[in-house]
Amino acid sequence: MNRKLAVSILVLVILGITGLGILNYFLSFKTAYINVKRDGVGVTVYAKNHQKMGALGSSGKLSLRTGDYYLVASGTHINTAQQAFKVGGNGAYVSVDPGYSSEYLDQLLTTQLPVIKKVLLTAYPQAVTGFSVNTGTLYIYGDWYATTLVQAPPGPGATGDVYRVVLHKEHDAWKVVTTPAIVLSSQDYPTIPRAILQSINAQSGY
């Protein structure tokens, strides 16, 4: 084999390897579909090393390499907690519905609480004398509320049972959507977001 032929073959091999590397690089990118469920909410996507990978002002898609990522939502009063997701061989589909920030939900609660308590005590008037109703918590976009009702002590040195209840705001009106119970299960109330049930069940009431 003469020198020129050997050099030509070497060049072709190098180009082949380089071309294969470039092809593999581009094939490693997949489509991540970001479904933003609320108007006025945008998202910024970051790699695991916190490098910014892209931003969207509403639902859309980004081309990302397979791996781990997280996004941060933005918007007026929006919760900015990180939401992790993974891009696999088939890409990714990410649903974004961050809710309001806890600080803003606390602000809303101060105005909503009198109405909520009126609805609750109308539905369960026995709670007026037999229970103490705790302040409770607003969730998501301020359209879900849960609280604990602590039963009056049955006797000296005893503590009353703690009941839990959830209300939902529909068409600008609050409605009690659970019967007060010591534990609220997702099996009994499948339409209530699981995170709300987990949160209220974890509260001691005291």
C-alpha atoms as a PDB file:
ATOM      1  CA  MET A   1       0.000   0.000   0.000  1.00  0.00           C
ATOM      2  CA  ASN A   2       1.520   3.310  -1.042  1.00  0.00           C
ATOM      3  CA  ARG A   3       1.733   6.296   1.286  1.00  0.00           C
ATOM      4  CA  LYS A   4      -0.976   8.338  -0.477  1.00  0.00           C
ATOM      5  CA  LEU A   5      -3.494   5.502  -0.283  1.00  0.00           C
ATOM      6  CA  ALA A   6      -2.764   4.934   3.387  1.00  0.00           C
ATOM      7  CA  VAL A   7      -3.269   8.638   4.144  1.00  0.00           C
ATOM      8  CA  SER A   8      -6.528   8.669   2.188  1.00  0.00           C
ATOM      9  CA  ILE A   9      -7.858   5.671   4.078  1.00  0.00           C
ATOM     10  CA  LEU A  10      -6.854   7.254   7.402  1.00  0.00           C
ATOM     11  CA  VAL A  11      -8.647  10.466   6.476  1.00  0.00           C
ATOM     12  CA  LEU A  12     -11.781   8.551   5.516  1.00  0.00           C
ATOM     13  CA  VAL A  13     -11.725   6.641   8.810  1.00  0.00           C
ATOM     14  CA  ILE A  14     -11.335   9.861  10.805  1.00  0.00           C
ATOM     15  CA  LEU A  15     -14.156  11.527   8.866  1.00  0.00           C
ATOM     16  CA  GLY A  16     -16.329   8.461   9.422  1.00  0.00           C
ATOM     17  CA  ILE A  17     -15.705   8.474  13.152  1.00  0.00           C
ATOM     18  CA  THR A  18     -16.288  12.219  13.331  1.00  0.00           C
ATOM     19  CA  GLY A  19     -19.474  11.936  11.292  1.00  0.00           C
ATOM     20  CA  LEU A  20     -20.736   9.114  13.476  1.00  0.00           C
ATOM     21  CA  GLY A  21     -20.026  11.176  16.586  1.00  0.00           C
ATOM     22  CA  ILE A  22     -21.922  14.142  15.178  1.00  0.00           C
ATOM     23  CA  LEU A  23     -24.822  11.893  14.194  1.00  0.00           C
ATOM     24  CA  ASN A  24     -24.963  10.340  17.660  1.00  0.00           C
ATOM     25  CA  TYR A  25     -24.869  13.795  19.213  1.00  0.00           C
ATOM     26  CA  PHE A  26     -27.880  15.007  17.262  1.00  0.00           C
ATOM     27  CA  LEU A  27     -29.725  11.730  17.819  1.00  0.00           C
ATOM     28  CA  SER A  28     -29.307  12.211  21.569  1.00  0.00           C
ATOM     29  CA  PHE A  29     -31.689  15.189  21.436  1.00  0.00           C
ATOM     30  CA  LYS A  30     -35.345  14.423  22.109  1.00  0.00           C
ATOM     31  CA  THR A  31     -38.480  16.533  22.231  1.00  0.00           C
ATOM     32  CA  ALA A  32     -39.765  17.613  25.623  1.00  0.00           C
ATOM     33  CA  TYR A  33     -43.388  18.750  25.472  1.00  0.00           C
ATOM     34  CA  ILE A  34     -44.209  21.252  28.216  1.00  0.00           C
ATOM     35  CA  ASN A  35     -47.931  21.580  28.896  1.00  0.00           C
ATOM     36  CA  VAL A  36     -48.616  24.741  30.926  1.00  0.00           C
ATOM     37  CA  LYS A  37     -52.150  24.454  32.252  1.00  0.00           C
ATOM     38  CA  ARG A  38     -52.715  28.054  33.321  1.00  0.00           C
ATOM     39  CA  ASP A  39     -52.626  31.254  31.268  1.00  0.00           C
ATOM     40  CA  GLY A  40     -50.033  33.795  32.299  1.00  0.00           C
ATOM     41  CA  VAL A  41     -47.547  31.163  33.478  1.00  0.00           C
ATOM     42  CA  GLY A  42     -44.139  30.701  31.872  1.00  0.00           C
ATOM     43  CA  VAL A  43     -41.365  28.199  32.551  1.00  0.00           C
ATOM     44  CA  THR A  44     -37.577  28.158  32.486  1.00  0.00           C
ATOM     45  CA  VAL A  45     -35.860  24.793  32.061  1.00  0.00           C
ATOM     46  CA  TYR A  46     -32.496  23.961  33.628  1.00  0.00           C
ATOM     47  CA  ALA A  47     -30.115  21.034  33.394  1.00  0.00           C
ATOM     48  CA  LYS A  48     -29.122  19.167  36.530  1.00  0.00           C
ATOM     49  CA  ASN A  49     -26.012  21.353  36.783  1.00  0.00           C
ATOM     50  CA  HIS A  50     -28.290  24.459  36.832  1.00  0.00           C
ATOM     51  CA  GLN A  51     -27.416  25.492  33.285  1.00  0.00           C
ATOM     52  CA  LYS A  52     -30.354  27.255  31.639  1.00  0.00           C
ATOM     53  CA  MET A  53     -31.603  25.214  28.684  1.00  0.00           C
ATOM     54  CA  GLY A  54     -34.527  27.290  27.473  1.00  0.00           C
ATOM     55  CA  ALA A  55     -37.682  29.179  28.388  1.00  0.00           C
ATOM     56  CA  LEU A  56     -41.307  29.193  27.298  1.00  0.00           C
ATOM     57  CA  GLY A  57     -44.027  31.789  27.827  1.00  0.00           C
ATOM     58  CA  SER A  58     -46.767  29.161  27.569  1.00  0.00           C
ATOM     59  CA  SER A  59     -47.143  25.546  26.444  1.00  0.00           C
ATOM     60  CA  GLY A  60     -44.548  24.466  23.890  1.00  0.00           C
ATOM     61  CA  LYS A  61     -41.641  22.130  23.262  1.00  0.00           C
ATOM     62  CA  LEU A  62     -37.890  22.119  23.699  1.00  0.00           C
ATOM     63  CA  SER A  63     -35.199  19.936  22.163  1.00  0.00           C
ATOM     64  CA  LEU A  64     -33.160  18.425  24.999  1.00  0.00           C
ATOM     65  CA  ARG A  65     -30.622  15.654  25.348  1.00  0.00           C
ATOM     66  CA  THR A  66     -31.659  12.627  27.358  1.00  0.00           C
ATOM     67  CA  GLY A  67     -31.090  13.176  31.065  1.00  0.00           C
ATOM     68  CA  ASP A  68     -32.414  14.864  34.193  1.00  0.00           C
ATOM     69  CA  TYR A  69     -33.804  18.392  34.215  1.00  0.00           C
ATOM     70  CA  TYR A  70     -35.952  20.687  36.295  1.00  0.00           C
ATOM     71  CA  LEU A  71     -38.147  23.654  35.522  1.00  0.00           C
ATOM     72  CA  VAL A  72     -39.193  26.737  37.443  1.00  0.00           C
ATOM     73  CA  ALA A  73     -42.545  28.378  36.740  1.00  0.00           C
ATOM     74  CA  SER A  74     -43.012  32.135  36.714  1.00  0.00           C
ATOM     75  CA  GLY A  75     -45.964  34.503  36.764  1.00  0.00           C
ATOM     76  CA  THR A  76     -47.944  36.733  39.105  1.00  0.00           C
ATOM     77  CA  HIS A  77     -48.046  35.153  42.580  1.00  0.00           C
ATOM     78  CA  ILE A  78     -46.965  31.795  41.091  1.00  0.00           C
ATOM     79  CA  ASN A  79     -45.236  29.073  43.098  1.00  0.00           C
ATOM     80  CA  THR A  80     -41.591  28.933  41.987  1.00  0.00           C
ATOM     81  CA  ALA A  81     -40.666  25.562  43.496  1.00  0.00           C
ATOM     82  CA  GLN A  82     -38.512  23.390  41.221  1.00  0.00           C
ATOM     83  CA  GLN A  83     -40.282  20.635  39.274  1.00  0.00           C
ATOM     84  CA  ALA A  84     -37.976  17.792  38.230  1.00  0.00           C
ATOM     85  CA  PHE A  85     -38.460  15.740  35.078  1.00  0.00           C
ATOM     86  CA  LYS A  86     -36.511  13.261  32.960  1.00  0.00           C
ATOM     87  CA  VAL A  87     -36.015  13.146  29.196  1.00  0.00           C
ATOM     88  CA  GLY A  88     -35.787   9.550  28.006  1.00  0.00           C
ATOM     89  CA  GLY A  89     -35.561   7.792  24.692  1.00  0.00           C
ATOM     90  CA  ASN A  90     -39.088   8.848  23.803  1.00  0.00           C
ATOM     91  CA  GLY A  91     -38.618  12.407  24.969  1.00  0.00           C
ATOM     92  CA  ALA A  92     -40.793  13.766  27.767  1.00  0.00           C
ATOM     93  CA  TYR A  93     -44.246  15.141  28.465  1.00  0.00           C
ATOM     94  CA  VAL A  94     -44.351  17.521  31.411  1.00  0.00           C
ATOM     95  CA  SER A  95     -47.538  18.943  32.883  1.00  0.00           C
ATOM     96  CA  VAL A  96     -47.070  22.280  34.660  1.00  0.00           C
ATOM     97  CA  ASP A  97     -49.715  23.530  37.082  1.00  0.00           C
ATOM     98  CA  PRO A  98     -47.738  25.170  39.911  1.00  0.00           C
ATOM     99  CA  GLY A  99     -50.464  26.941  41.868  1.00  0.00           C
ATOM    100  CA  TYR A 100     -49.935  30.114  43.857  1.00  0.00           C
ATOM    101  CA  SER A 101     -47.057  30.658  46.252  1.00  0.00           C
ATOM    102  CA  SER A 102     -47.675  29.820  49.904  1.00  0.00           C
ATOM    103  CA  GLU A 103     -47.174  33.480  50.807  1.00  0.00           C
ATOM    104  CA  TYR A 104     -49.924  34.603  48.453  1.00  0.00           C
ATOM    105  CA  LEU A 105     -52.244  31.797  49.567  1.00  0.00           C
ATOM    106  CA  ASP A 106     -51.796  32.996  53.146  1.00  0.00           C
ATOM    107  CA  GLN A 107     -52.824  36.489  52.049  1.00  0.00           C
ATOM    108  CA  LEU A 108     -55.908  35.147  50.297  1.00  0.00           C
ATOM    109  CA  LEU A 109     -56.876  33.120  53.336  1.00  0.00           C
ATOM    110  CA  THR A 110     -57.300  36.219  55.488  1.00  0.00           C
ATOM    111  CA  THR A 111     -60.090  37.419  53.193  1.00  0.00           C
ATOM    112  CA  GLN A 112     -61.624  34.035  52.449  1.00  0.00           C
ATOM    113  CA  LEU A 113     -61.658  32.569  55.966  1.00  0.00           C
ATOM    114  CA  PRO A 114     -64.841  34.284  57.252  1.00  0.00           C
ATOM    115  CA  VAL A 115     -66.804  33.032  54.234  1.00  0.00           C
ATOM    116  CA  ILE A 116     -65.309  29.544  54.496  1.00  0.00           C
ATOM    117  CA  LYS A 117     -66.136  29.215  58.199  1.00  0.00           C
ATOM    118  CA  LYS A 118     -69.689  30.388  57.594  1.00  0.00           C
ATOM    119  CA  VAL A 119     -70.182  27.719  54.905  1.00  0.00           C
ATOM    120  CA  LEU A 120     -68.595  25.040  57.113  1.00  0.00           C
ATOM    121  CA  LEU A 121     -70.620  25.882  60.203  1.00  0.00           C
ATOM    122  CA  THR A 122     -73.820  26.086  58.172  1.00  0.00           C
ATOM    123  CA  ALA A 123     -73.190  22.561  56.903  1.00  0.00           C
ATOM    124  CA  TYR A 124     -72.163  21.267  60.347  1.00  0.00           C
ATOM    125  CA  PRO A 125     -73.722  23.493  63.028  1.00  0.00           C
ATOM    126  CA  GLN A 126     -72.663  21.067  65.755  1.00  0.00           C
ATOM    127  CA  ALA A 127     -69.112  22.244  65.169  1.00  0.00           C
ATOM    128  CA  VAL A 128     -70.019  25.580  66.797  1.00  0.00           C
ATOM    129  CA  THR A 129     -70.147  24.136  70.306  1.00  0.00           C
ATOM    130  CA  GLY A 130     -68.620  20.676  70.055  1.00  0.00           C
ATOM    131  CA  PHE A 131     -65.437  21.499  68.162  1.00  0.00           C
ATOM    132  CA  SER A 132     -62.809  24.157  67.664  1.00  0.00           C
ATOM    133  CA  VAL A 133     -62.143  24.957  64.027  1.00  0.00           C
ATOM    134  CA  ASN A 134     -58.512  25.630  63.153  1.00  0.00           C
ATOM    135  CA  THR A 135     -57.411  28.263  60.638  1.00  0.00           C
ATOM    136  CA  GLY A 136     -56.689  25.723  57.919  1.00  0.00           C
ATOM    137  CA  THR A 137     -54.881  26.122  54.622  1.00  0.00           C
ATOM    138  CA  LEU A 138     -55.656  27.256  51.088  1.00  0.00           C
ATOM    139  CA  TYR A 139     -54.192  25.180  48.275  1.00  0.00           C
ATOM    140  CA  ILE A 140     -53.322  25.378  44.575  1.00  0.00           C
ATOM    141  CA  TYR A 141     -54.931  28.591  43.233  1.00  0.00           C
ATOM    142  CA  GLY A 142     -56.861  29.364  46.387  1.00  0.00           C
ATOM    143  CA  ASP A 143     -59.801  27.239  45.235  1.00  0.00           C
ATOM    144  CA  TRP A 144     -59.183  24.377  47.677  1.00  0.00           C
ATOM    145  CA  TYR A 145     -59.250  24.603  51.459  1.00  0.00           C
ATOM    146  CA  ALA A 146     -58.705  22.058  54.207  1.00  0.00           C
ATOM    147  CA  THR A 147     -58.741  22.301  57.974  1.00  0.00           C
ATOM    148  CA  THR A 148     -58.919  20.292  61.164  1.00  0.00           C
ATOM    149  CA  LEU A 149     -61.784  20.282  63.661  1.00  0.00           C
ATOM    150  CA  VAL A 150     -60.738  19.395  67.198  1.00  0.00           C
ATOM    151  CA  GLN A 151     -63.409  17.780  69.334  1.00  0.00           C
ATOM    152  CA  ALA A 152     -64.003  19.294  72.768  1.00  0.00           C
ATOM    153  CA  PRO A 153     -62.249  17.204  75.474  1.00  0.00           C
ATOM    154  CA  PRO A 154     -64.640  14.511  76.711  1.00  0.00           C
ATOM    155  CA  GLY A 155     -63.322  14.816  80.274  1.00  0.00           C
ATOM    156  CA  PRO A 156     -60.497  15.991  82.535  1.00  0.00           C
ATOM    157  CA  GLY A 157     -57.082  15.049  81.202  1.00  0.00           C
ATOM    158  CA  ALA A 158     -58.532  13.777  77.919  1.00  0.00           C
ATOM    159  CA  THR A 159     -58.117  15.119  74.400  1.00  0.00           C
ATOM    160  CA  GLY A 160     -60.776  15.145  71.751  1.00  0.00           C
ATOM    161  CA  ASP A 161     -60.510  13.469  68.375  1.00  0.00           C
ATOM    162  CA  VAL A 162     -59.301  15.469  65.382  1.00  0.00           C
ATOM    163  CA  TYR A 163     -61.478  15.493  62.273  1.00  0.00           C
ATOM    164  CA  ARG A 164     -60.504  16.726  58.843  1.00  0.00           C
ATOM    165  CA  VAL A 165     -62.594  18.396  56.169  1.00  0.00           C
ATOM    166  CA  VAL A 166     -62.051  19.802  52.664  1.00  0.00           C
ATOM    167  CA  LEU A 167     -63.907  22.581  50.853  1.00  0.00           C
ATOM    168  CA  HIS A 168     -63.751  23.479  47.162  1.00  0.00           C
ATOM    169  CA  LYS A 169     -64.578  26.797  45.511  1.00  0.00           C
ATOM    170  CA  GLU A 170     -66.781  26.269  42.464  1.00  0.00           C
ATOM    171  CA  HIS A 171     -68.296  29.121  40.441  1.00  0.00           C
ATOM    172  CA  ASP A 172     -67.099  31.587  43.117  1.00  0.00           C
ATOM    173  CA  ALA A 173     -68.913  29.694  45.885  1.00  0.00           C
ATOM    174  CA  TRP A 174     -67.377  27.525  48.584  1.00  0.00           C
ATOM    175  CA  LYS A 175     -68.783  24.022  49.077  1.00  0.00           C
ATOM    176  CA  VAL A 176     -67.984  21.346  51.635  1.00  0.00           C
ATOM    177  CA  VAL A 177     -66.859  18.327  49.594  1.00  0.00           C
ATOM    178  CA  THR A 178     -66.043  15.829  52.357  1.00  0.00           C
ATOM    179  CA  THR A 179     -67.740  14.581  55.460  1.00  0.00           C
ATOM    180  CA  PRO A 180     -65.531  15.409  58.453  1.00  0.00           C
ATOM    181  CA  ALA A 181     -63.455  12.325  59.226  1.00  0.00           C
ATOM    182  CA  ILE A 182     -60.370  11.376  61.200  1.00  0.00           C
ATOM    183  CA  VAL A 183     -58.685  10.324  57.936  1.00  0.00           C
ATOM    184  CA  LEU A 184     -59.657  11.413  54.417  1.00  0.00           C
ATOM    185  CA  SER A 185     -58.736   8.880  51.748  1.00  0.00           C
ATOM    186  CA  SER A 186     -58.218   9.296  48.007  1.00  0.00           C
ATOM    187  CA  GLN A 187     -60.329   6.196  47.496  1.00  0.00           C
ATOM    188  CA  ASP A 188     -63.327   7.954  49.042  1.00  0.00           C
ATOM    189  CA  TYR A 189     -62.555  11.290  47.385  1.00  0.00           C
ATOM    190  CA  PRO A 190     -60.778  10.648  44.065  1.00  0.00           C
ATOM    191  CA  THR A 191     -61.497  14.156  42.709  1.00  0.00           C
ATOM    192  CA  ILE A 192     -59.563  15.871  45.495  1.00  0.00           C
ATOM    193  CA  PRO A 193     -55.872  16.316  44.622  1.00  0.00           C
ATOM    194  CA  ARG A 194     -53.896  13.679  46.480  1.00  0.00           C
ATOM    195  CA  ALA A 195     -51.381  16.245  47.767  1.00  0.00           C
ATOM    196  CA  ILE A 196     -54.162  18.070  49.618  1.00  0.00           C
ATOM    197  CA  LEU A 197     -55.356  14.888  51.319  1.00  0.00           C
ATOM    198  CA  GLN A 198     -51.803  13.989  52.293  1.00  0.00           C
ATOM    199  CA  SER A 199     -51.243  17.477  53.696  1.00  0.00           C
ATOM    200  CA  ILE A 200     -54.379  17.648  55.829  1.00  0.00           C
ATOM    201  CA  ASN A 201     -54.016  14.054  57.078  1.00  0.00           C
ATOM    202  CA  ALA A 202     -50.510  14.907  58.281  1.00  0.00           C
ATOM    203  CA  GLN A 203     -51.704  17.852  60.377  1.00  0.00           C
ATOM    204  CA  SER A 204     -52.130  17.050  64.053  1.00  0.00           C
ATOM    205  CA  GLY A 205     -54.776  19.675  64.735  1.00  0.00           C
ATOM    206  CA  TYR A 206     -53.102  20.696  67.987  1.00  0.00           C
END
